[in-house]
Protein backbone atom coordinates (compact mmCIF):
# COMPACT_ATOMS: atom_id res chain seq x y z
CA MET A 1 0.00 0.00 0.00
CA LYS A 2 2.80 2.38 0.90
CA THR A 3 4.60 1.61 -2.36
CA LYS A 4 1.40 2.26 -4.34
CA ALA A 5 0.95 5.68 -2.69
CA ILE A 6 4.56 6.68 -3.52
CA LEU A 7 4.09 5.66 -7.19
CA THR A 8 0.87 7.67 -7.41
CA LEU A 9 2.59 10.75 -5.96
CA LEU A 10 5.48 10.45 -8.43
CA ALA A 11 3.07 10.15 -11.38
CA MET A 12 1.19 13.28 -10.30
CA THR A 13 4.48 15.21 -9.89
CA ALA A 14 5.65 14.17 -13.37
CA ALA A 15 2.33 15.21 -14.92
CA MET A 16 2.52 18.62 -13.25
CA THR A 17 6.13 19.08 -14.43
CA VAL A 18 5.22 18.25 -18.04
CA HIS A 19 2.23 20.62 -17.92
CA ALA A 20 4.33 23.41 -16.43
CA GLY A 21 7.09 23.00 -19.02
CA SER A 22 4.75 23.02 -22.02
CA PRO A 23 4.39 26.35 -23.84
CA PRO A 24 1.22 28.30 -23.06
CA GLU A 25 -1.51 28.36 -25.67
CA TYR A 26 -2.48 31.89 -26.82
CA PRO A 27 -5.46 32.73 -28.97
CA PRO A 28 -4.56 33.38 -32.63
CA ALA A 29 -3.78 36.97 -33.59
CA VAL A 30 -6.84 38.88 -34.73
CA PRO A 31 -6.36 40.29 -38.26
CA GLN A 32 -6.49 44.07 -38.28
CA PRO A 33 -8.95 45.73 -40.69
CA ARG A 34 -7.32 47.65 -43.55
CA PRO A 35 -8.51 51.18 -44.33
CA ILE A 36 -9.98 52.05 -47.74
CA GLU A 37 -10.71 55.55 -49.03
CA ARG A 38 -12.75 56.38 -52.13
CA ALA A 39 -13.34 59.83 -53.54
CA THR A 40 -15.31 61.28 -56.45
CA LEU A 41 -14.44 64.81 -57.58
CA TYR A 42 -15.92 67.20 -60.15
CA GLY A 43 -14.15 70.31 -61.30
CA ALA A 44 -13.44 73.00 -63.85
CA GLY A 45 -10.50 75.14 -64.79
CA LEU A 46 -8.31 76.52 -67.54
CA ALA A 47 -6.73 74.61 -70.43
CA ASN A 48 -3.85 75.50 -72.75
CA MET A 49 -3.52 73.23 -75.81
CA TYR A 50 -0.78 73.20 -78.43
CA ASP A 51 -0.17 70.72 -81.27
CA THR A 52 1.94 71.69 -84.28
CA TYR A 53 0.45 68.76 -86.22
CA LEU A 54 -2.78 70.80 -86.33
CA SER A 55 -1.72 74.43 -85.90
CA PRO A 56 1.28 76.55 -84.92
CA GLN A 57 -0.89 78.47 -82.43
CA GLU A 58 -1.81 77.89 -78.80
CA TYR A 59 -5.45 77.38 -77.90
CA ARG A 60 -6.81 78.47 -74.53
CA GLY A 61 -10.17 78.02 -72.89
CA ALA A 62 -12.29 76.21 -70.31
CA GLU A 63 -12.01 72.64 -69.11
CA PHE A 64 -14.27 70.27 -67.19
CA ARG A 65 -12.76 67.36 -65.29
CA LEU A 66 -13.94 64.25 -63.43
CA MET A 67 -11.81 62.15 -61.06
CA ARG A 68 -12.46 58.95 -59.12
CA GLU A 69 -9.80 57.68 -56.76
CA SER A 70 -9.43 54.67 -54.48
CA THR A 71 -6.60 54.14 -51.98
CA ARG A 72 -6.18 51.00 -49.92
CA LEU A 73 -3.66 49.74 -47.38
CA THR A 74 -2.39 46.35 -48.55
CA PRO A 75 -1.04 43.50 -46.37
CA TRP A 76 2.26 43.64 -48.28
CA ALA A 77 5.53 44.99 -46.86
CA GLU A 78 4.30 44.46 -43.29
CA GLY A 79 1.25 46.62 -43.92
CA ARG A 80 3.14 49.73 -45.08
CA LEU A 81 2.33 49.55 -48.80
CA TRP A 82 -0.60 51.57 -50.13
CA ARG A 83 -2.35 50.85 -53.43
CA GLN A 84 -3.81 53.73 -55.41
CA VAL A 85 -6.16 53.44 -58.39
CA ARG A 86 -7.26 56.65 -60.08
CA PHE A 87 -9.48 57.26 -63.10
CA GLN A 88 -9.93 60.73 -64.52
CA GLY A 89 -11.03 62.43 -67.68
CA TYR A 90 -11.40 65.92 -69.08
CA VAL A 91 -13.15 67.74 -71.90
CA ASN A 92 -12.07 71.22 -72.94
CA TYR A 93 -13.13 73.84 -75.47
CA THR A 94 -10.45 76.33 -76.50
CA HIS A 95 -9.83 79.15 -78.98
CA ASN A 96 -6.72 80.68 -80.54
CA HIS A 97 -5.26 84.12 -79.86
CA ALA A 98 -6.90 85.69 -82.93
CA ASP A 99 -10.25 84.23 -81.80
CA ASN A 100 -11.02 83.00 -85.32
CA ASN A 101 -10.79 79.25 -84.67
CA ASN A 102 -11.72 76.81 -81.93
CA ALA A 103 -10.60 73.37 -80.83
CA MET A 104 -12.04 70.63 -78.68
CA GLY A 105 -10.00 68.15 -76.66
CA ALA A 106 -10.63 65.15 -74.42
CA LEU A 107 -8.48 62.66 -72.54
CA LEU A 108 -9.11 59.63 -70.32
CA THR A 109 -6.41 58.48 -67.87
CA TRP A 110 -6.21 55.34 -65.72
CA ASN A 111 -3.50 55.12 -63.03
CA TYR A 112 -2.30 52.26 -60.85
CA GLY A 113 0.22 53.09 -58.14
CA LEU A 114 2.01 51.56 -55.15
CA HIS A 115 3.49 53.70 -52.39
CA TYR A 116 5.56 52.73 -49.36
CA SER A 117 4.70 54.83 -46.30
CA PHE A 118 7.00 56.42 -43.73
CA ASP A 119 5.56 57.87 -40.51
CA VAL A 120 7.98 60.72 -39.89
CA ALA A 121 6.06 62.65 -37.22
CA PRO A 122 2.71 62.51 -35.40
CA GLY A 123 0.06 63.02 -38.06
CA LEU A 124 2.60 63.31 -40.89
CA ARG A 125 3.21 60.52 -43.38
CA LEU A 126 5.46 60.49 -46.46
CA LEU A 127 4.93 58.07 -49.33
CA ALA A 128 7.27 57.06 -52.14
CA GLY A 129 6.69 54.67 -55.01
CA GLY A 130 5.68 54.41 -58.63
CA VAL A 131 2.66 54.83 -60.88
CA ALA A 132 1.71 53.28 -64.22
CA ASP A 133 -0.81 55.15 -66.36
CA LEU A 134 -2.73 54.63 -69.61
CA ASN A 135 -3.89 57.68 -71.57
CA GLY A 136 -6.15 58.02 -74.58
CA GLY A 137 -7.90 60.96 -76.22
CA PHE A 138 -7.90 63.50 -79.05
CA LEU A 139 -7.57 67.15 -80.02
CA TRP A 140 -9.93 68.30 -82.77
CA ASN A 141 -9.33 71.53 -84.70
CA LEU A 142 -12.75 72.69 -85.88
CA ARG A 143 -11.58 74.46 -89.08
CA ASN A 144 -8.92 72.10 -90.43
CA GLY A 145 -9.75 70.19 -93.60
CA ASN A 146 -7.02 67.65 -94.37
CA ASN A 147 -5.89 66.88 -90.82
CA PRO A 148 -8.78 67.92 -88.56
CA ALA A 149 -7.80 65.89 -85.46
CA SER A 150 -4.82 64.51 -83.61
CA ALA A 151 -4.97 61.32 -81.54
CA ARG A 152 -3.46 61.08 -78.04
CA ALA A 153 -2.37 57.62 -76.92
CA TYR A 154 0.48 56.87 -74.51
CA ILE A 155 1.52 54.83 -71.48
CA ASN A 156 3.97 55.84 -68.78
CA LEU A 157 5.87 54.54 -65.79
CA ALA A 158 6.35 57.40 -63.34
CA ALA A 159 8.10 58.06 -60.06
CA SER A 160 5.61 59.21 -57.46
CA GLY A 161 5.81 60.87 -54.06
CA ALA A 162 3.25 62.20 -51.60
CA ALA A 163 2.87 63.80 -48.19
CA VAL A 164 -0.20 63.34 -45.98
CA TRP A 165 -0.78 65.51 -42.92
CA ARG A 166 -3.66 64.97 -40.52
CA VAL A 167 -4.47 67.57 -37.90
CA ARG A 168 -7.37 68.24 -35.54
CA LEU A 169 -8.89 71.70 -35.52
CA LYS A 170 -11.69 72.28 -32.99
CA LYS A 171 -12.32 68.53 -32.73
CA ARG A 172 -12.53 68.21 -36.52
CA LEU A 173 -10.08 65.99 -38.35
CA LEU A 174 -8.58 67.67 -41.41
CA THR A 175 -6.42 65.82 -43.94
CA PHE A 176 -4.08 67.59 -46.34
CA ARG A 177 -2.30 65.76 -49.16
CA TYR A 178 0.16 66.68 -51.89
CA GLN A 179 1.20 64.24 -54.63
CA ILE A 180 3.46 64.56 -57.66
CA ASP A 181 3.98 62.04 -60.49
CA LEU A 182 6.96 62.37 -62.85
CA PRO A 183 7.02 60.12 -65.97
CA LEU A 184 10.36 58.35 -66.46
CA ALA A 185 9.72 55.97 -69.37
CA GLY A 186 6.90 55.07 -71.70
CA LEU A 187 5.54 54.62 -75.21
CA MET A 188 3.61 57.20 -77.25
CA PHE A 189 1.82 57.18 -80.58
CA SER A 190 2.74 60.10 -82.84
CA PRO A 191 2.46 60.55 -86.61
CA HIS A 192 5.31 62.21 -88.48
CA TYR A 193 4.95 65.89 -89.29
CA GLY A 194 2.72 66.21 -92.37
CA GLN A 195 1.77 62.52 -92.35
CA SER A 196 -1.97 61.83 -92.55
CA TYR A 197 -3.81 59.17 -90.59
CA TYR A 198 -4.96 57.74 -93.92
CA GLU A 199 -1.32 56.91 -94.71
CA ILE A 200 -0.86 55.25 -91.32
CA PHE A 201 -4.01 53.14 -91.05
CA SER A 202 -5.10 52.61 -94.68
CA LEU A 203 -1.80 52.46 -96.53
CA GLY A 204 0.11 50.83 -93.68
CA ASN A 205 2.88 53.45 -93.44
CA ALA A 206 3.09 53.13 -89.65
CA SER A 207 6.86 52.87 -89.24
CA GLY A 208 8.15 55.04 -86.41
CA THR A 209 4.73 56.13 -85.17
CA VAL A 210 5.17 54.43 -81.77
CA ARG A 211 8.11 55.99 -79.96
CA PHE A 212 9.90 55.45 -76.67
CA THR A 213 9.49 58.40 -74.31
CA ALA A 214 11.55 59.70 -71.41
CA PRO A 215 12.08 63.11 -69.76
CA HIS A 216 14.15 64.34 -72.74
CA ASN A 217 11.19 64.13 -75.17
CA GLN A 218 8.23 64.02 -72.76
CA PRO A 219 8.95 66.36 -69.83
CA SER A 220 5.68 66.13 -67.92
CA CYS A 221 4.23 66.01 -64.42
CA ARG A 222 0.93 65.77 -62.57
CA GLN A 223 0.45 67.44 -59.20
CA LEU A 224 -2.52 67.23 -56.86
CA LEU A 225 -3.12 69.24 -53.69
CA SER A 226 -6.20 68.34 -51.65
CA ALA A 227 -7.88 68.96 -48.29
CA ASP A 228 -10.51 66.74 -46.65
CA PHE A 229 -12.90 68.15 -44.05
CA PRO A 230 -16.19 67.06 -42.44
CA VAL A 231 -19.52 68.72 -43.19
CA GLY A 232 -22.12 67.21 -40.91
CA ARG A 233 -22.06 63.47 -41.54
CA LEU A 234 -20.38 63.91 -44.91
CA ARG A 235 -16.70 64.20 -45.66
CA MET A 236 -15.81 66.64 -48.42
CA ARG A 237 -12.67 67.13 -50.48
CA VAL A 238 -11.50 70.27 -52.23
CA ALA A 239 -8.56 69.89 -54.60
CA TYR A 240 -6.37 71.68 -57.12
CA GLN A 241 -4.71 69.75 -59.93
CA CYS A 242 -1.86 71.02 -62.09
CA ASP A 243 -1.53 68.68 -65.08
CA LEU A 244 1.39 69.53 -67.40
CA GLN A 245 1.85 67.17 -70.35
CA GLN A 246 4.42 67.86 -73.10
CA SER A 247 6.05 65.97 -75.95
CA LYS A 248 8.47 66.46 -78.85
CA LEU A 249 8.30 63.53 -81.28
CA ASN A 250 8.64 63.05 -85.05
CA GLY A 251 8.99 66.78 -85.66
CA ILE A 252 5.78 67.57 -83.74
CA ARG A 253 5.53 69.56 -80.53
CA THR A 254 2.56 69.25 -78.22
CA HIS A 255 1.50 70.39 -74.80
CA ALA A 256 -1.67 70.10 -72.75
CA TYR A 257 -1.63 72.29 -69.66
CA SER A 258 -4.48 72.19 -67.19
CA HIS A 259 -5.23 74.01 -63.94
CA ALA A 260 -8.42 72.64 -62.41
CA PHE A 261 -10.21 73.15 -59.09
CA MET A 262 -12.37 70.27 -57.91
CA LEU A 263 -14.87 69.47 -55.20
CA GLY A 264 -16.33 66.13 -54.17
CA PHE A 265 -17.11 63.52 -51.56
CA VAL A 266 -14.91 61.06 -49.68
CA LYS A 267 -16.00 57.72 -48.24
CA ARG A 268 -13.86 55.84 -45.73
CA PHE A 269 -14.35 52.32 -44.43
CA ARG A 270 -12.30 49.30 -43.36
CA LEU A 271 -11.87 45.94 -45.02
CA GLU A 272 -11.50 42.87 -42.83
CA THR A 273 -8.29 40.96 -43.54
CA PRO A 274 -8.93 37.26 -44.34
CA LYS A 275 -7.73 34.92 -41.62
């Protein structure tokens, strides 16, 4: 009996030792929701158009612009990589200096960007990355006969940087953002000077109409300055965009300068990360 009691005590001691030495079981980490921000902006401003394929004169006038933007924090790079998708388009109506001719232009742009974020100070975040964009549109000279229009088609890879500053003013959260995109390399369609589109698409004389672009022949940039602020239950955004596009290809010079002021709504929510 005494021997049996000693064996039972030893077995209980061993079981307690094994239990104490085993690692504790913690509940699995709860995935953190990722923020998403979507904005729709409408605006108007001034346009300056120039295309020596159509005319040696500048055309200036009014422009109307639409922009839709979505930014999302991805799970990549330890949750410090932001994805940005932006779609925008404009329509403008311009006239030359002599006011004896008019032109109409339009362009659609789709951007996809990735930015790595750096929290440099309370409320201040810097972002650096790259953006790819697709662009397509036209410029139509209303009085030209032989070559009445010029097509715009190009793609770019651009360096991109941004600064985001959030500050509270009288218990209201304000968000200011500045972003600049600088094209570094791309491809652009451009006819040769004096070459008609009939020659290119009907006769097949398309050699050299798709050209490599870089800052030396396409010095361009897009800049956006915005401020978000609450109005009741809504969140508004006011923005200014400076869009400067230039090219010098196949003996043709072009530029499309735009200064637009925009106003719209911002929606913020969070996406649950899959377990």
